C-alpha atoms as a PDB file:
ATOM      1  CA  MET A   1     -95.328 221.875 -83.186  1.00  0.00           C
ATOM      2  CA  ALA A   2     -92.590 220.306 -81.153  1.00  0.00           C
ATOM      3  CA  HIS A   3     -93.729 218.007 -78.367  1.00  0.00           C
ATOM      4  CA  LEU A   4     -91.773 220.032 -75.800  1.00  0.00           C
ATOM      5  CA  LEU A   5     -93.505 223.264 -76.850  1.00  0.00           C
ATOM      6  CA  GLU A   6     -96.890 221.553 -76.655  1.00  0.00           C
ATOM      7  CA  GLN A   7     -96.088 220.321 -73.125  1.00  0.00           C
ATOM      8  CA  ARG A   8     -95.112 223.863 -72.057  1.00  0.00           C
ATOM      9  CA  ILE A   9     -98.360 225.280 -73.426  1.00  0.00           C
ATOM     10  CA  ILE A  10    -100.328 222.664 -71.493  1.00  0.00           C
ATOM     11  CA  ALA A  11     -98.250 223.360 -68.365  1.00  0.00           C
ATOM     12  CA  ASP A  12     -98.993 227.102 -68.719  1.00  0.00           C
ATOM     13  CA  THR A  13    -102.688 226.308 -69.038  1.00  0.00           C
ATOM     14  CA  VAL A  14    -102.675 224.010 -66.004  1.00  0.00           C
ATOM     15  CA  ARG A  15    -100.806 226.664 -63.984  1.00  0.00           C
ATOM     16  CA  TRP A  16    -103.477 229.224 -64.939  1.00  0.00           C
ATOM     17  CA  LEU A  17    -106.225 226.752 -64.050  1.00  0.00           C
ATOM     18  CA  GLU A  18    -104.696 225.909 -60.664  1.00  0.00           C
ATOM     19  CA  ARG A  19    -103.640 229.416 -59.614  1.00  0.00           C
ATOM     20  CA  ALA A  20    -106.418 231.567 -61.050  1.00  0.00           C
ATOM     21  CA  VAL A  21    -109.501 229.541 -61.924  1.00  0.00           C
ATOM     22  CA  ILE A  22    -109.304 227.115 -58.989  1.00  0.00           C
ATOM     23  CA  GLY A  23    -106.973 229.075 -56.706  1.00  0.00           C
ATOM     24  CA  LEU A  24    -109.159 232.192 -56.736  1.00  0.00           C
ATOM     25  CA  ASN A  25    -112.328 230.058 -56.965  1.00  0.00           C
ATOM     26  CA  LEU A  26    -113.350 231.853 -60.168  1.00  0.00           C
ATOM     27  CA  CYS A  27    -115.132 228.679 -61.204  1.00  0.00           C
ATOM     28  CA  PRO A  28    -116.242 226.498 -58.290  1.00  0.00           C
ATOM     29  CA  PHE A  29    -116.987 223.722 -60.792  1.00  0.00           C
ATOM     30  CA  ALA A  30    -113.400 223.357 -62.079  1.00  0.00           C
ATOM     31  CA  ARG A  31    -111.826 221.716 -59.033  1.00  0.00           C
ATOM     32  CA  SER A  32    -113.491 218.315 -59.355  1.00  0.00           C
ATOM     33  CA  PRO A  33    -112.707 217.497 -63.012  1.00  0.00           C
ATOM     34  CA  HIS A  34    -109.150 218.760 -62.483  1.00  0.00           C
ATOM     35  CA  ALA A  35    -108.637 216.689 -59.319  1.00  0.00           C
ATOM     36  CA  LYS A  36    -110.078 213.601 -61.036  1.00  0.00           C
ATOM     37  CA  ALA A  37    -107.911 214.173 -64.172  1.00  0.00           C
ATOM     38  CA  ARG A  38    -111.006 214.357 -66.378  1.00  0.00           C
ATOM     39  CA  ILE A  39    -109.911 217.384 -68.404  1.00  0.00           C
ATOM     40  CA  ARG A  40    -108.640 216.761 -71.903  1.00  0.00           C
ATOM     41  CA  TYR A  41    -105.985 219.315 -72.925  1.00  0.00           C
ATOM     42  CA  VAL A  42    -105.570 219.715 -76.680  1.00  0.00           C
ATOM     43  CA  VAL A  43    -103.064 222.121 -78.212  1.00  0.00           C
ATOM     44  CA  SER A  44    -104.277 223.069 -81.649  1.00  0.00           C
ATOM     45  CA  GLN A  45    -101.711 223.392 -84.398  1.00  0.00           C
ATOM     46  CA  ALA A  46    -104.145 225.477 -86.443  1.00  0.00           C
ATOM     47  CA  ILE A  47    -102.888 228.707 -87.924  1.00  0.00           C
ATOM     48  CA  GLU A  48    -106.059 229.408 -89.915  1.00  0.00           C
ATOM     49  CA  GLU A  49    -109.613 229.673 -88.632  1.00  0.00           C
ATOM     50  CA  SER A  50    -110.770 226.983 -91.056  1.00  0.00           C
ATOM     51  CA  GLU A  51    -108.268 224.523 -89.551  1.00  0.00           C
ATOM     52  CA  LEU A  52    -109.439 225.386 -86.061  1.00  0.00           C
ATOM     53  CA  LYS A  53    -113.067 224.949 -87.069  1.00  0.00           C
ATOM     54  CA  ASP A  54    -112.301 221.460 -88.417  1.00  0.00           C
ATOM     55  CA  GLN A  55    -110.452 220.536 -85.228  1.00  0.00           C
ATOM     56  CA  LEU A  56    -113.229 221.965 -83.072  1.00  0.00           C
ATOM     57  CA  GLU A  57    -115.738 219.760 -84.872  1.00  0.00           C
ATOM     58  CA  GLN A  58    -113.555 216.697 -84.213  1.00  0.00           C
ATOM     59  CA  GLU A  59    -113.216 217.619 -80.533  1.00  0.00           C
ATOM     60  CA  LEU A  60    -116.957 218.202 -80.132  1.00  0.00           C
ATOM     61  CA  LEU A  61    -117.724 214.768 -81.557  1.00  0.00           C
ATOM     62  CA  LEU A  62    -114.966 213.136 -79.530  1.00  0.00           C
ATOM     63  CA  LEU A  63    -116.165 214.664 -76.241  1.00  0.00           C
ATOM     64  CA  GLN A  64    -119.722 213.601 -76.994  1.00  0.00           C
ATOM     65  CA  SER A  65    -118.580 210.012 -77.568  1.00  0.00           C
ATOM     66  CA  CYS A  66    -116.198 209.777 -74.566  1.00  0.00           C
ATOM     67  CA  ASP A  67    -117.145 208.288 -71.240  1.00  0.00           C
ATOM     68  CA  THR A  68    -117.713 211.116 -68.720  1.00  0.00           C
ATOM     69  CA  GLU A  69    -115.743 209.147 -66.136  1.00  0.00           C
ATOM     70  CA  GLN A  70    -112.726 209.440 -68.410  1.00  0.00           C
ATOM     71  CA  THR A  71    -113.178 212.872 -70.029  1.00  0.00           C
ATOM     72  CA  GLU A  72    -115.636 215.344 -68.583  1.00  0.00           C
ATOM     73  CA  THR A  73    -114.496 218.431 -70.445  1.00  0.00           C
ATOM     74  CA  THR A  74    -111.995 219.596 -73.069  1.00  0.00           C
ATOM     75  CA  LEU A  75    -109.770 222.656 -73.229  1.00  0.00           C
ATOM     76  CA  LEU A  76    -108.892 223.335 -76.865  1.00  0.00           C
ATOM     77  CA  ILE A  77    -105.883 225.654 -76.615  1.00  0.00           C
ATOM     78  CA  CYS A  78    -105.218 227.785 -79.698  1.00  0.00           C
ATOM     79  CA  PRO A  79    -101.780 229.440 -79.394  1.00  0.00           C
ATOM     80  CA  ASP A  80    -101.311 230.290 -83.097  1.00  0.00           C
ATOM     81  CA  VAL A  81    -104.750 231.457 -84.218  1.00  0.00           C
ATOM     82  CA  LEU A  82    -107.308 234.059 -83.088  1.00  0.00           C
ATOM     83  CA  ASN A  83    -104.802 235.992 -81.001  1.00  0.00           C
ATOM     84  CA  ASP A  84    -106.770 239.193 -81.622  1.00  0.00           C
ATOM     85  CA  PHE A  85    -109.653 239.196 -79.159  1.00  0.00           C
ATOM     86  CA  LEU A  86    -112.182 240.672 -81.601  1.00  0.00           C
ATOM     87  CA  ASP A  87    -111.379 237.949 -84.153  1.00  0.00           C
ATOM     88  CA  PHE A  88    -111.695 235.357 -81.381  1.00  0.00           C
ATOM     89  CA  ASN A  89    -115.016 236.819 -80.286  1.00  0.00           C
ATOM     90  CA  ASP A  90    -116.303 236.700 -83.879  1.00  0.00           C
ATOM     91  CA  PHE A  91    -115.195 233.069 -84.168  1.00  0.00           C
ATOM     92  CA  LEU A  92    -117.358 232.140 -81.171  1.00  0.00           C
ATOM     93  CA  ASN A  93    -120.482 232.678 -83.306  1.00  0.00           C
ATOM     94  CA  ARG A  94    -119.140 230.202 -85.866  1.00  0.00           C
ATOM     95  CA  ALA A  95    -118.261 227.800 -83.040  1.00  0.00           C
ATOM     96  CA  ASP A  96    -121.839 227.945 -81.754  1.00  0.00           C
ATOM     97  CA  GLN A  97    -123.117 227.346 -85.304  1.00  0.00           C
ATOM     98  CA  LEU A  98    -120.885 224.273 -85.415  1.00  0.00           C
ATOM     99  CA  VAL A  99    -122.432 222.981 -82.179  1.00  0.00           C
ATOM    100  CA  ARG A 100    -125.846 223.270 -83.845  1.00  0.00           C
ATOM    101  CA  LYS A 101    -124.610 221.744 -87.122  1.00  0.00           C
ATOM    102  CA  THR A 102    -123.266 218.690 -85.278  1.00  0.00           C
ATOM    103  CA  LYS A 103    -126.606 218.399 -83.450  1.00  0.00           C
ATOM    104  CA  LEU A 104    -124.902 218.885 -80.093  1.00  0.00           C
ATOM    105  CA  GLU A 105    -126.902 221.905 -78.960  1.00  0.00           C
ATOM    106  CA  GLY A 106    -128.148 221.066 -75.481  1.00  0.00           C
ATOM    107  CA  VAL A 107    -125.400 218.438 -75.181  1.00  0.00           C
ATOM    108  CA  ILE A 108    -122.190 220.494 -75.332  1.00  0.00           C
ATOM    109  CA  GLN A 109    -121.606 224.208 -74.880  1.00  0.00           C
ATOM    110  CA  ILE A 110    -118.496 226.296 -75.457  1.00  0.00           C
ATOM    111  CA  ALA A 111    -117.071 228.727 -72.936  1.00  0.00           C
ATOM    112  CA  SER A 112    -114.286 231.073 -73.954  1.00  0.00           C
ATOM    113  CA  PHE A 113    -111.060 232.397 -72.479  1.00  0.00           C
ATOM    114  CA  HIS A 114    -108.503 234.697 -74.083  1.00  0.00           C
ATOM    115  CA  PRO A 115    -105.395 236.664 -73.008  1.00  0.00           C
ATOM    116  CA  GLY A 116    -107.117 239.864 -74.156  1.00  0.00           C
ATOM    117  CA  TYR A 117    -110.633 239.023 -72.959  1.00  0.00           C
ATOM    118  CA  ARG A 118    -112.743 242.111 -72.481  1.00  0.00           C
ATOM    119  CA  PHE A 119    -116.296 242.497 -71.307  1.00  0.00           C
ATOM    120  CA  ALA A 120    -118.275 244.989 -73.369  1.00  0.00           C
ATOM    121  CA  ASP A 121    -119.182 247.196 -70.410  1.00  0.00           C
ATOM    122  CA  VAL A 122    -115.703 247.748 -68.894  1.00  0.00           C
ATOM    123  CA  SER A 123    -112.413 249.272 -70.026  1.00  0.00           C
ATOM    124  CA  GLU A 124    -109.718 247.022 -71.463  1.00  0.00           C
ATOM    125  CA  ASP A 125    -107.485 247.435 -68.407  1.00  0.00           C
ATOM    126  CA  ASP A 126    -110.220 246.722 -65.834  1.00  0.00           C
ATOM    127  CA  VAL A 127    -109.065 243.827 -63.663  1.00  0.00           C
ATOM    128  CA  SER A 128    -112.535 242.235 -63.824  1.00  0.00           C
ATOM    129  CA  ASN A 129    -111.691 241.125 -67.389  1.00  0.00           C
ATOM    130  CA  CYS A 130    -109.219 238.686 -65.826  1.00  0.00           C
ATOM    131  CA  THR A 131    -112.084 236.361 -64.875  1.00  0.00           C
ATOM    132  CA  ASN A 132    -111.910 235.172 -68.491  1.00  0.00           C
ATOM    133  CA  ARG A 133    -108.255 235.868 -69.279  1.00  0.00           C
ATOM    134  CA  SER A 134    -106.051 232.885 -69.988  1.00  0.00           C
ATOM    135  CA  PRO A 135    -102.478 232.461 -71.225  1.00  0.00           C
ATOM    136  CA  TYR A 136    -103.709 231.506 -74.740  1.00  0.00           C
ATOM    137  CA  PRO A 137    -107.026 231.596 -76.592  1.00  0.00           C
ATOM    138  CA  ILE A 138    -109.035 228.641 -75.253  1.00  0.00           C
ATOM    139  CA  LEU A 139    -112.302 227.064 -76.308  1.00  0.00           C
ATOM    140  CA  HIS A 140    -113.696 225.189 -73.328  1.00  0.00           C
ATOM    141  CA  LEU A 141    -116.025 222.389 -74.360  1.00  0.00           C
ATOM    142  CA  LEU A 142    -118.447 221.551 -71.565  1.00  0.00           C
ATOM    143  CA  ARG A 143    -121.058 218.841 -71.293  1.00  0.00           C
ATOM    144  CA  GLU A 144    -124.435 220.417 -70.598  1.00  0.00           C
ATOM    145  CA  GLN A 145    -125.285 217.684 -68.062  1.00  0.00           C
ATOM    146  CA  SER A 146    -122.120 218.524 -66.093  1.00  0.00           C
ATOM    147  CA  VAL A 147    -122.981 222.223 -66.159  1.00  0.00           C
ATOM    148  CA  GLN A 148    -126.525 221.498 -65.001  1.00  0.00           C
ATOM    149  CA  ARG A 149    -125.341 219.292 -62.116  1.00  0.00           C
ATOM    150  CA  ALA A 150    -122.839 221.954 -61.033  1.00  0.00           C
ATOM    151  CA  ILE A 151    -125.410 224.742 -61.145  1.00  0.00           C
ATOM    152  CA  GLU A 152    -127.877 222.688 -59.101  1.00  0.00           C
ATOM    153  CA  ALA A 153    -125.204 222.196 -56.432  1.00  0.00           C
ATOM    154  CA  VAL A 154    -124.719 225.951 -55.909  1.00  0.00           C
ATOM    155  CA  PRO A 155    -127.377 227.917 -53.995  1.00  0.00           C
ATOM    156  CA  ASN A 156    -127.057 231.064 -56.149  1.00  0.00           C
ATOM    157  CA  PRO A 157    -125.053 230.492 -59.347  1.00  0.00           C
ATOM    158  CA  ASP A 158    -125.669 234.072 -60.529  1.00  0.00           C
ATOM    159  CA  ALA A 159    -123.669 235.311 -57.541  1.00  0.00           C
ATOM    160  CA  ILE A 160    -120.489 233.658 -58.887  1.00  0.00           C
ATOM    161  CA  TYR A 161    -119.897 236.418 -61.443  1.00  0.00           C
ATOM    162  CA  GLN A 162    -120.254 239.185 -58.842  1.00  0.00           C
ATOM    163  CA  ALA A 163    -118.028 237.315 -56.378  1.00  0.00           C
ATOM    164  CA  ASN A 164    -115.376 236.944 -59.097  1.00  0.00           C
ATOM    165  CA  ILE A 165    -115.376 240.671 -59.806  1.00  0.00           C
ATOM    166  CA  LYS A 166    -115.081 241.404 -56.088  1.00  0.00           C
ATOM    167  CA  THR A 167    -112.205 238.905 -55.737  1.00  0.00           C
ATOM    168  CA  LEU A 168    -110.307 240.393 -58.659  1.00  0.00           C
ATOM    169  CA  ARG A 169    -110.833 243.986 -57.560  1.00  0.00           C
ATOM    170  CA  GLN A 170    -109.505 243.074 -54.100  1.00  0.00           C
ATOM    171  CA  LEU A 171    -106.568 241.278 -55.698  1.00  0.00           C
ATOM    172  CA  GLY A 172    -105.853 244.203 -58.027  1.00  0.00           C
ATOM    173  CA  ARG A 173    -103.649 244.353 -61.101  1.00  0.00           C
ATOM    174  CA  LYS A 174    -100.432 243.730 -59.117  1.00  0.00           C
ATOM    175  CA  GLY A 175    -101.958 240.716 -57.395  1.00  0.00           C
ATOM    176  CA  TRP A 176    -103.103 239.292 -60.723  1.00  0.00           C
ATOM    177  CA  LEU A 177     -99.641 239.737 -62.227  1.00  0.00           C
ATOM    178  CA  ALA A 178     -98.087 238.099 -59.147  1.00  0.00           C
ATOM    179  CA  LEU A 179    -100.060 234.927 -59.895  1.00  0.00           C
ATOM    180  CA  ASN A 180     -97.824 234.480 -62.961  1.00  0.00           C
ATOM    181  CA  VAL A 181    -100.535 232.881 -65.074  1.00  0.00           C
ATOM    182  CA  GLY A 182     -99.412 234.054 -68.501  1.00  0.00           C
ATOM    183  CA  PRO A 183     -97.493 232.070 -71.085  1.00  0.00           C
ATOM    184  CA  SER A 184     -93.973 230.934 -70.232  1.00  0.00           C
ATOM    185  CA  ALA A 185     -91.262 233.008 -71.834  1.00  0.00           C
ATOM    186  CA  ASP A 186     -90.081 229.883 -73.682  1.00  0.00           C
ATOM    187  CA  SER A 187     -93.566 228.868 -74.889  1.00  0.00           C
ATOM    188  CA  SER A 188     -93.940 231.379 -77.686  1.00  0.00           C
ATOM    189  CA  SER A 189     -94.355 229.661 -80.988  1.00  0.00           C
END
């Protein structure tokens, strides 16, 4: 993958993070690691699930060994694999198995984002799906201790999900599209 293409994919991801995730306050915990430049952005060159699984294992071990003050979390961006949401969703089970295999259960967890993300209980075009829609498939590696600290700092963490749905329904489909948080036209690989 050309370096320029990789930089565009990262720029698309940062734009999504700043405009949607942080800008709409979909995740109140994202602002601090972003502001402190503690997010590691990795563009996977994998085109097969097996390659992605190997890279995911490397990234899990790397995050676990990194100083939190330097790298708090990792976004593993997967532009060329798992573009079908159902395949991506199936892969998440294997990703969780990998967390257990590497003995990182309780240390690192994986959150997921996808351009076609769909909650089981809503239609595909429901704007509430956008809470987890990103420009590319993304595996978000989070340190459990960071998640725990963030949850303890919020009076009612369960209310975040409902607030996100309310925000997106008020924003509407046109408002979401106006955020321009998809992939750049020149970032397709």
